[in-house]
Amino acid sequence: MTMKIGVVRFAVVAASLLLSACASGTKFSEMRATMPAARPDMGRIYFYRTALVGMAVQPEVRLNGEKVGKAVPNGFFYVDRPAGNYQVVTETEVEKKLTFTLEPGQVRYVRLDISMGFFVGHVYGLLIDEKKARSEIASMNYTGSATTR
């Protein structure tokens, strides 16, 4: 009987840890209408992570050296930036980089994926087209602080 109780307790604790590793907050589909528009001279970059694999691996996301958020499973955030060249960097046991150009008024979507690593997973950014990104991000939870400039 005590063995069963121990297994149940373990299962409850494990489930709690898994759920706490996922993003919680307002869903993109619910807050899209209330998000302020980017200024006309700025572009907007959305970052999001769909993969629940490697939930505990949540590295910082840096944009041109500035921390703009974390790669939280089932979460998204966005930043508004002036036109220019940008580099997204994530780092676990290795550093992964994505570079792209942002135009005024342009919206870019960076999906943060995870691949197997030697000790921990490697989170890396991929540019995703708007149609696919909007369908993937719709049920994601907001994890940012609207780091807009």
N, C-alpha and C. Protein backbone atom coordinates (compact mmCIF):
# COMPACT_ATOMS: atom_id res chain seq x y z
N MET A 1 0.82 -1.20 0.00
CA MET A 1 0.00 0.00 0.00
C MET A 1 0.87 1.27 0.00
N THR A 2 1.92 1.30 0.84
CA THR A 2 2.79 2.48 0.88
C THR A 2 3.53 2.67 -0.43
N MET A 3 3.81 1.58 -1.13
CA MET A 3 4.46 1.67 -2.45
C MET A 3 3.55 2.40 -3.42
N LYS A 4 2.25 2.08 -3.39
CA LYS A 4 1.28 2.75 -4.28
C LYS A 4 1.20 4.24 -3.98
N ILE A 5 1.19 4.59 -2.71
CA ILE A 5 1.09 6.00 -2.31
C ILE A 5 2.33 6.75 -2.80
N GLY A 6 3.51 6.13 -2.68
CA GLY A 6 4.74 6.75 -3.15
C GLY A 6 4.73 6.97 -4.65
N VAL A 7 4.22 6.01 -5.40
CA VAL A 7 4.13 6.14 -6.86
C VAL A 7 3.17 7.25 -7.23
N VAL A 8 2.04 7.33 -6.55
CA VAL A 8 1.05 8.38 -6.83
C VAL A 8 1.64 9.75 -6.52
N ARG A 9 2.32 9.88 -5.39
CA ARG A 9 2.95 11.16 -5.04
C ARG A 9 3.97 11.57 -6.09
N PHE A 10 4.78 10.61 -6.51
CA PHE A 10 5.78 10.89 -7.55
C PHE A 10 5.11 11.37 -8.83
N ALA A 11 4.04 10.70 -9.23
CA ALA A 11 3.32 11.07 -10.45
C ALA A 11 2.75 12.48 -10.34
N VAL A 12 2.20 12.83 -9.20
CA VAL A 12 1.63 14.17 -8.99
C VAL A 12 2.73 15.23 -9.06
N VAL A 13 3.85 14.98 -8.40
CA VAL A 13 4.97 15.93 -8.42
C VAL A 13 5.51 16.07 -9.84
N ALA A 14 5.69 14.96 -10.54
CA ALA A 14 6.21 15.00 -11.91
C ALA A 14 5.27 15.77 -12.82
N ALA A 15 3.97 15.54 -12.71
CA ALA A 15 3.00 16.25 -13.54
C ALA A 15 3.03 17.75 -13.24
N SER A 16 3.15 18.11 -11.97
CA SER A 16 3.22 19.53 -11.60
C SER A 16 4.44 20.20 -12.20
N LEU A 17 5.58 19.52 -12.14
CA LEU A 17 6.80 20.08 -12.72
C LEU A 17 6.68 20.26 -14.22
N LEU A 18 6.10 19.29 -14.90
CA LEU A 18 5.92 19.40 -16.34
C LEU A 18 5.02 20.56 -16.70
N LEU A 19 3.91 20.71 -15.99
CA LEU A 19 2.98 21.79 -16.29
C LEU A 19 3.58 23.15 -15.99
N SER A 20 4.39 23.25 -14.94
CA SER A 20 4.99 24.54 -14.60
C SER A 20 6.05 24.96 -15.60
N ALA A 21 6.59 24.01 -16.36
CA ALA A 21 7.61 24.34 -17.37
C ALA A 21 7.00 24.94 -18.62
N CYS A 22 5.70 24.80 -18.80
CA CYS A 22 5.03 25.35 -19.98
C CYS A 22 4.61 26.79 -19.71
N ALA A 23 4.39 27.52 -20.77
CA ALA A 23 3.98 28.91 -20.66
C ALA A 23 2.54 29.01 -20.16
N SER A 24 2.29 30.04 -19.39
CA SER A 24 0.91 30.35 -19.02
C SER A 24 0.74 31.85 -19.24
N GLY A 25 -0.42 32.23 -19.63
CA GLY A 25 -0.69 33.63 -19.92
C GLY A 25 -1.77 33.72 -20.97
N THR A 26 -1.99 34.92 -21.45
CA THR A 26 -3.03 35.15 -22.45
C THR A 26 -2.63 34.55 -23.78
N LYS A 27 -3.56 33.87 -24.42
CA LYS A 27 -3.30 33.26 -25.72
C LYS A 27 -3.20 34.33 -26.80
N PHE A 28 -2.37 34.06 -27.81
CA PHE A 28 -2.19 34.98 -28.93
C PHE A 28 -3.53 35.31 -29.57
N SER A 29 -4.37 34.31 -29.79
CA SER A 29 -5.66 34.52 -30.45
C SER A 29 -6.55 35.47 -29.65
N GLU A 30 -6.38 35.50 -28.33
CA GLU A 30 -7.17 36.39 -27.47
C GLU A 30 -6.60 37.80 -27.39
N MET A 31 -5.30 37.94 -27.47
CA MET A 31 -4.71 39.28 -27.28
C MET A 31 -4.34 39.97 -28.58
N ARG A 32 -4.43 39.27 -29.71
CA ARG A 32 -4.04 39.85 -31.00
C ARG A 32 -4.73 41.19 -31.27
N ALA A 33 -6.03 41.26 -31.00
CA ALA A 33 -6.80 42.48 -31.28
C ALA A 33 -6.41 43.64 -30.37
N THR A 34 -5.84 43.37 -29.20
CA THR A 34 -5.50 44.43 -28.27
C THR A 34 -4.02 44.82 -28.30
N MET A 35 -3.22 44.10 -29.10
CA MET A 35 -1.80 44.45 -29.20
C MET A 35 -1.65 45.76 -29.95
N PRO A 36 -0.82 46.66 -29.42
CA PRO A 36 -0.60 47.92 -30.16
C PRO A 36 0.14 47.63 -31.46
N ALA A 37 -0.19 48.38 -32.48
CA ALA A 37 0.50 48.23 -33.76
C ALA A 37 1.92 48.79 -33.63
N ALA A 38 2.82 48.23 -34.39
CA ALA A 38 4.18 48.77 -34.43
C ALA A 38 4.15 50.11 -35.15
N ARG A 39 5.05 51.01 -34.76
CA ARG A 39 5.15 52.29 -35.47
C ARG A 39 5.49 52.02 -36.92
N PRO A 40 5.07 52.90 -37.83
CA PRO A 40 5.31 52.68 -39.27
C PRO A 40 6.78 52.53 -39.65
N ASP A 41 7.68 53.15 -38.88
CA ASP A 41 9.11 53.06 -39.19
C ASP A 41 9.78 51.84 -38.56
N MET A 42 9.00 51.02 -37.88
CA MET A 42 9.52 49.85 -37.18
C MET A 42 9.01 48.56 -37.82
N GLY A 43 9.67 47.47 -37.51
CA GLY A 43 9.19 46.14 -37.86
C GLY A 43 8.90 45.39 -36.57
N ARG A 44 8.18 44.30 -36.67
CA ARG A 44 7.85 43.49 -35.49
C ARG A 44 8.40 42.09 -35.69
N ILE A 45 8.98 41.55 -34.62
CA ILE A 45 9.51 40.19 -34.63
C ILE A 45 8.81 39.40 -33.54
N TYR A 46 8.13 38.33 -33.94
CA TYR A 46 7.51 37.41 -33.00
C TYR A 46 8.45 36.23 -32.79
N PHE A 47 8.59 35.81 -31.55
CA PHE A 47 9.36 34.63 -31.20
C PHE A 47 8.38 33.66 -30.54
N TYR A 48 8.44 32.39 -30.91
CA TYR A 48 7.55 31.42 -30.28
C TYR A 48 8.17 30.03 -30.29
N ARG A 49 7.70 29.22 -29.35
CA ARG A 49 8.22 27.85 -29.24
C ARG A 49 7.06 26.88 -29.11
N THR A 50 6.92 26.01 -30.08
CA THR A 50 5.84 25.03 -30.08
C THR A 50 6.23 23.74 -29.38
N ALA A 51 7.46 23.33 -29.48
CA ALA A 51 7.89 22.01 -28.99
C ALA A 51 7.81 21.90 -27.48
N LEU A 52 7.17 20.83 -27.01
CA LEU A 52 7.15 20.55 -25.59
C LEU A 52 8.30 19.63 -25.20
N VAL A 53 8.95 19.04 -26.20
CA VAL A 53 10.13 18.22 -25.94
C VAL A 53 11.20 19.10 -25.31
N GLY A 54 11.85 18.62 -24.29
CA GLY A 54 12.90 19.40 -23.64
C GLY A 54 12.34 20.61 -22.92
N MET A 55 11.20 20.45 -22.26
CA MET A 55 10.52 21.59 -21.62
C MET A 55 11.40 22.34 -20.63
N ALA A 56 12.28 21.64 -19.95
CA ALA A 56 13.12 22.30 -18.95
C ALA A 56 14.21 23.17 -19.58
N VAL A 57 14.47 22.96 -20.86
CA VAL A 57 15.50 23.75 -21.56
C VAL A 57 14.85 25.02 -22.09
N GLN A 58 15.13 26.14 -21.43
CA GLN A 58 14.52 27.42 -21.77
C GLN A 58 15.57 28.53 -21.78
N PRO A 59 16.45 28.50 -22.77
CA PRO A 59 17.52 29.51 -22.78
C PRO A 59 17.00 30.91 -23.09
N GLU A 60 17.83 31.87 -22.74
CA GLU A 60 17.55 33.26 -23.11
C GLU A 60 17.58 33.39 -24.63
N VAL A 61 16.79 34.32 -25.13
CA VAL A 61 16.82 34.67 -26.54
C VAL A 61 17.41 36.07 -26.61
N ARG A 62 18.52 36.20 -27.34
CA ARG A 62 19.17 37.49 -27.50
C ARG A 62 19.02 37.96 -28.94
N LEU A 63 18.72 39.23 -29.08
CA LEU A 63 18.59 39.86 -30.39
C LEU A 63 19.65 40.95 -30.47
N ASN A 64 20.61 40.77 -31.36
CA ASN A 64 21.75 41.69 -31.47
C ASN A 64 22.38 41.96 -30.10
N GLY A 65 22.54 40.88 -29.33
CA GLY A 65 23.20 40.97 -28.03
C GLY A 65 22.32 41.33 -26.86
N GLU A 66 21.09 41.74 -27.10
CA GLU A 66 20.18 42.15 -26.03
C GLU A 66 19.21 41.02 -25.69
N LYS A 67 19.10 40.70 -24.40
CA LYS A 67 18.13 39.69 -23.99
C LYS A 67 16.72 40.24 -24.21
N VAL A 68 15.92 39.51 -25.00
CA VAL A 68 14.56 39.96 -25.29
C VAL A 68 13.50 39.00 -24.74
N GLY A 69 13.91 37.81 -24.29
CA GLY A 69 12.95 36.86 -23.75
C GLY A 69 13.59 35.51 -23.52
N LYS A 70 12.72 34.51 -23.27
CA LYS A 70 13.18 33.14 -23.06
C LYS A 70 12.41 32.22 -23.99
N ALA A 71 13.03 31.11 -24.35
CA ALA A 71 12.41 30.10 -25.22
C ALA A 71 11.54 29.17 -24.37
N VAL A 72 10.35 29.64 -24.03
CA VAL A 72 9.43 28.88 -23.17
C VAL A 72 8.49 28.05 -24.04
N PRO A 73 8.39 26.75 -23.77
CA PRO A 73 7.48 25.91 -24.56
C PRO A 73 6.05 26.43 -24.50
N ASN A 74 5.38 26.42 -25.64
CA ASN A 74 3.99 26.87 -25.77
C ASN A 74 3.85 28.37 -25.49
N GLY A 75 4.92 29.13 -25.67
CA GLY A 75 4.89 30.55 -25.39
C GLY A 75 5.36 31.40 -26.56
N PHE A 76 4.96 32.67 -26.53
CA PHE A 76 5.41 33.63 -27.54
C PHE A 76 5.63 34.99 -26.90
N PHE A 77 6.45 35.79 -27.55
CA PHE A 77 6.63 37.19 -27.20
C PHE A 77 7.03 37.92 -28.47
N TYR A 78 7.04 39.24 -28.42
CA TYR A 78 7.41 40.01 -29.61
C TYR A 78 8.18 41.25 -29.23
N VAL A 79 8.92 41.76 -30.20
CA VAL A 79 9.64 43.02 -30.04
C VAL A 79 9.47 43.83 -31.32
N ASP A 80 9.46 45.13 -31.18
CA ASP A 80 9.44 46.04 -32.32
C ASP A 80 10.82 46.66 -32.43
N ARG A 81 11.36 46.66 -33.63
CA ARG A 81 12.71 47.17 -33.85
C ARG A 81 12.77 47.94 -35.17
N PRO A 82 13.73 48.88 -35.29
CA PRO A 82 13.90 49.60 -36.55
C PRO A 82 14.44 48.67 -37.63
N ALA A 83 14.26 49.08 -38.88
CA ALA A 83 14.77 48.29 -40.00
C ALA A 83 16.27 48.07 -39.82
N GLY A 84 16.71 46.91 -40.25
CA GLY A 84 18.14 46.62 -40.16
C GLY A 84 18.41 45.14 -40.17
N ASN A 85 19.68 44.82 -39.93
CA ASN A 85 20.11 43.42 -39.87
C ASN A 85 20.08 42.95 -38.42
N TYR A 86 19.59 41.74 -38.22
CA TYR A 86 19.44 41.21 -36.87
C TYR A 86 20.02 39.82 -36.76
N GLN A 87 20.50 39.52 -35.55
CA GLN A 87 21.00 38.19 -35.24
C GLN A 87 20.32 37.72 -33.96
N VAL A 88 19.68 36.55 -34.05
CA VAL A 88 19.05 35.91 -32.90
C VAL A 88 20.04 34.86 -32.40
N VAL A 89 20.30 34.86 -31.10
CA VAL A 89 21.23 33.90 -30.51
C VAL A 89 20.56 33.21 -29.33
N THR A 90 20.66 31.89 -29.31
CA THR A 90 20.27 31.08 -28.16
C THR A 90 21.47 30.23 -27.80
N GLU A 91 21.59 29.89 -26.52
CA GLU A 91 22.75 29.11 -26.11
C GLU A 91 22.41 28.15 -24.99
N THR A 92 22.75 26.90 -25.19
CA THR A 92 22.72 25.90 -24.13
C THR A 92 24.16 25.41 -24.01
N GLU A 93 24.45 24.20 -24.48
CA GLU A 93 25.85 23.77 -24.49
C GLU A 93 26.58 24.27 -25.73
N VAL A 94 25.82 24.72 -26.71
CA VAL A 94 26.39 25.36 -27.91
C VAL A 94 25.56 26.61 -28.21
N GLU A 95 26.17 27.54 -28.94
CA GLU A 95 25.49 28.76 -29.33
C GLU A 95 24.92 28.58 -30.73
N LYS A 96 23.63 28.91 -30.90
CA LYS A 96 22.97 28.82 -32.20
C LYS A 96 22.59 30.24 -32.63
N LYS A 97 22.79 30.53 -33.94
CA LYS A 97 22.53 31.88 -34.46
C LYS A 97 21.62 31.83 -35.67
N LEU A 98 20.80 32.85 -35.81
CA LEU A 98 19.95 33.06 -36.98
C LEU A 98 20.10 34.54 -37.34
N THR A 99 20.36 34.83 -38.61
CA THR A 99 20.46 36.22 -39.05
C THR A 99 19.42 36.49 -40.13
N PHE A 100 18.92 37.72 -40.13
CA PHE A 100 17.93 38.14 -41.13
C PHE A 100 17.87 39.65 -41.16
N THR A 101 17.18 40.17 -42.16
CA THR A 101 16.97 41.61 -42.32
C THR A 101 15.51 41.91 -42.04
N LEU A 102 15.27 43.02 -41.36
CA LEU A 102 13.92 43.48 -41.04
C LEU A 102 13.68 44.81 -41.75
N GLU A 103 12.59 44.91 -42.47
CA GLU A 103 12.22 46.14 -43.18
C GLU A 103 11.18 46.92 -42.38
N PRO A 104 11.03 48.24 -42.63
CA PRO A 104 9.99 49.00 -41.94
C PRO A 104 8.61 48.40 -42.25
N GLY A 105 7.80 48.22 -41.22
CA GLY A 105 6.45 47.67 -41.39
C GLY A 105 6.40 46.16 -41.56
N GLN A 106 7.54 45.51 -41.65
CA GLN A 106 7.57 44.06 -41.85
C GLN A 106 7.36 43.32 -40.54
N VAL A 107 6.70 42.17 -40.63
CA VAL A 107 6.53 41.28 -39.48
C VAL A 107 7.29 40.00 -39.78
N ARG A 108 8.14 39.60 -38.86
CA ARG A 108 8.92 38.37 -38.98
C ARG A 108 8.51 37.43 -37.85
N TYR A 109 8.57 36.14 -38.13
CA TYR A 109 8.22 35.11 -37.15
C TYR A 109 9.41 34.18 -36.98
N VAL A 110 9.89 34.06 -35.76
CA VAL A 110 11.01 33.18 -35.45
C VAL A 110 10.50 32.07 -34.53
N ARG A 111 10.47 30.86 -35.07
CA ARG A 111 10.08 29.71 -34.24
C ARG A 111 11.34 29.17 -33.60
N LEU A 112 11.26 28.92 -32.31
CA LEU A 112 12.39 28.41 -31.54
C LEU A 112 12.21 26.90 -31.40
N ASP A 113 12.99 26.15 -32.16
CA ASP A 113 12.92 24.69 -32.16
C ASP A 113 14.02 24.12 -31.29
N ILE A 114 13.93 22.82 -31.02
CA ILE A 114 14.94 22.16 -30.19
C ILE A 114 15.43 20.90 -30.89
N SER A 115 16.72 20.66 -30.80
CA SER A 115 17.31 19.43 -31.33
C SER A 115 18.10 18.76 -30.21
N MET A 116 18.43 17.51 -30.43
CA MET A 116 19.17 16.76 -29.43
C MET A 116 20.59 17.33 -29.28
N GLY A 117 21.05 17.33 -28.05
CA GLY A 117 22.42 17.72 -27.77
C GLY A 117 23.11 16.60 -27.01
N PHE A 118 24.36 16.81 -26.67
CA PHE A 118 25.10 15.79 -25.93
C PHE A 118 24.58 15.69 -24.50
N PHE A 119 24.48 16.84 -23.81
CA PHE A 119 23.96 16.86 -22.45
C PHE A 119 22.55 17.43 -22.38
N VAL A 120 22.32 18.50 -23.10
CA VAL A 120 20.99 19.14 -23.11
C VAL A 120 20.62 19.46 -24.56
N GLY A 121 19.36 19.74 -24.78
CA GLY A 121 18.91 20.08 -26.13
C GLY A 121 19.47 21.42 -26.59
N HIS A 122 19.51 21.60 -27.90
CA HIS A 122 19.95 22.86 -28.50
C HIS A 122 18.72 23.57 -29.04
N VAL A 123 18.47 24.76 -28.57
CA VAL A 123 17.35 25.57 -29.05
C VAL A 123 17.90 26.49 -30.13
N TYR A 124 17.20 26.55 -31.26
CA TYR A 124 17.66 27.38 -32.37
C TYR A 124 16.46 28.03 -33.05
N GLY A 125 16.70 29.17 -33.69
CA GLY A 125 15.65 29.93 -34.36
C GLY A 125 15.53 29.57 -35.84
N LEU A 126 14.30 29.56 -36.32
CA LEU A 126 13.99 29.36 -37.74
C LEU A 126 13.01 30.44 -38.17
N LEU A 127 13.25 31.06 -39.32
CA LEU A 127 12.26 32.00 -39.87
C LEU A 127 11.12 31.19 -40.46
N ILE A 128 9.89 31.55 -40.11
CA ILE A 128 8.70 30.84 -40.57
C ILE A 128 7.82 31.83 -41.34
N ASP A 129 7.21 31.37 -42.44
CA ASP A 129 6.35 32.27 -43.21
C ASP A 129 5.10 32.60 -42.39
N GLU A 130 4.50 33.75 -42.70
CA GLU A 130 3.42 34.30 -41.89
C GLU A 130 2.22 33.36 -41.77
N LYS A 131 1.78 32.77 -42.85
CA LYS A 131 0.60 31.90 -42.80
C LYS A 131 0.81 30.73 -41.83
N LYS A 132 1.92 30.05 -41.96
CA LYS A 132 2.21 28.91 -41.08
C LYS A 132 2.40 29.39 -39.64
N ALA A 133 3.14 30.47 -39.45
CA ALA A 133 3.41 30.99 -38.10
C ALA A 133 2.12 31.39 -37.40
N ARG A 134 1.23 32.07 -38.10
CA ARG A 134 -0.04 32.49 -37.47
C ARG A 134 -0.87 31.29 -37.01
N SER A 135 -0.85 30.21 -37.78
CA SER A 135 -1.60 29.03 -37.35
C SER A 135 -0.92 28.36 -36.16
N GLU A 136 0.41 28.37 -36.12
CA GLU A 136 1.13 27.75 -35.00
C GLU A 136 1.06 28.60 -33.73
N ILE A 137 1.08 29.89 -33.87
CA ILE A 137 1.16 30.79 -32.71
C ILE A 137 -0.21 31.06 -32.07
N ALA A 138 -1.28 30.77 -32.78
CA ALA A 138 -2.64 31.11 -32.32
C ALA A 138 -2.94 30.63 -30.91
N SER A 139 -2.51 29.44 -30.55
CA SER A 139 -2.83 28.89 -29.23
C SER A 139 -1.70 29.07 -28.22
N MET A 140 -0.64 29.77 -28.62
CA MET A 140 0.49 30.00 -27.71
C MET A 140 0.12 31.03 -26.65
N ASN A 141 0.80 30.96 -25.51
CA ASN A 141 0.57 31.88 -24.40
C ASN A 141 1.65 32.96 -24.37
N TYR A 142 1.24 34.19 -24.09
CA TYR A 142 2.16 35.32 -24.05
C TYR A 142 3.10 35.20 -22.87
N THR A 143 4.41 35.30 -23.13
CA THR A 143 5.41 35.18 -22.08
C THR A 143 6.29 36.42 -21.96
N GLY A 144 6.03 37.43 -22.75
CA GLY A 144 6.91 38.60 -22.78
C GLY A 144 6.37 39.78 -22.01
N SER A 145 7.06 40.86 -22.20
CA SER A 145 6.65 42.12 -21.58
C SER A 145 6.51 43.19 -22.65
N ALA A 146 6.26 42.76 -23.90
CA ALA A 146 6.12 43.67 -25.05
C ALA A 146 7.30 44.63 -25.11
N THR A 147 8.47 44.08 -25.26
CA THR A 147 9.70 44.86 -25.35
C THR A 147 9.70 45.61 -26.67
N THR A 148 8.96 46.69 -26.69
CA THR A 148 8.89 47.50 -27.90
C THR A 148 9.68 48.79 -27.66
N ARG A 149 10.15 49.35 -28.74
CA ARG A 149 10.89 50.62 -28.59
C ARG A 149 10.17 51.70 -29.34
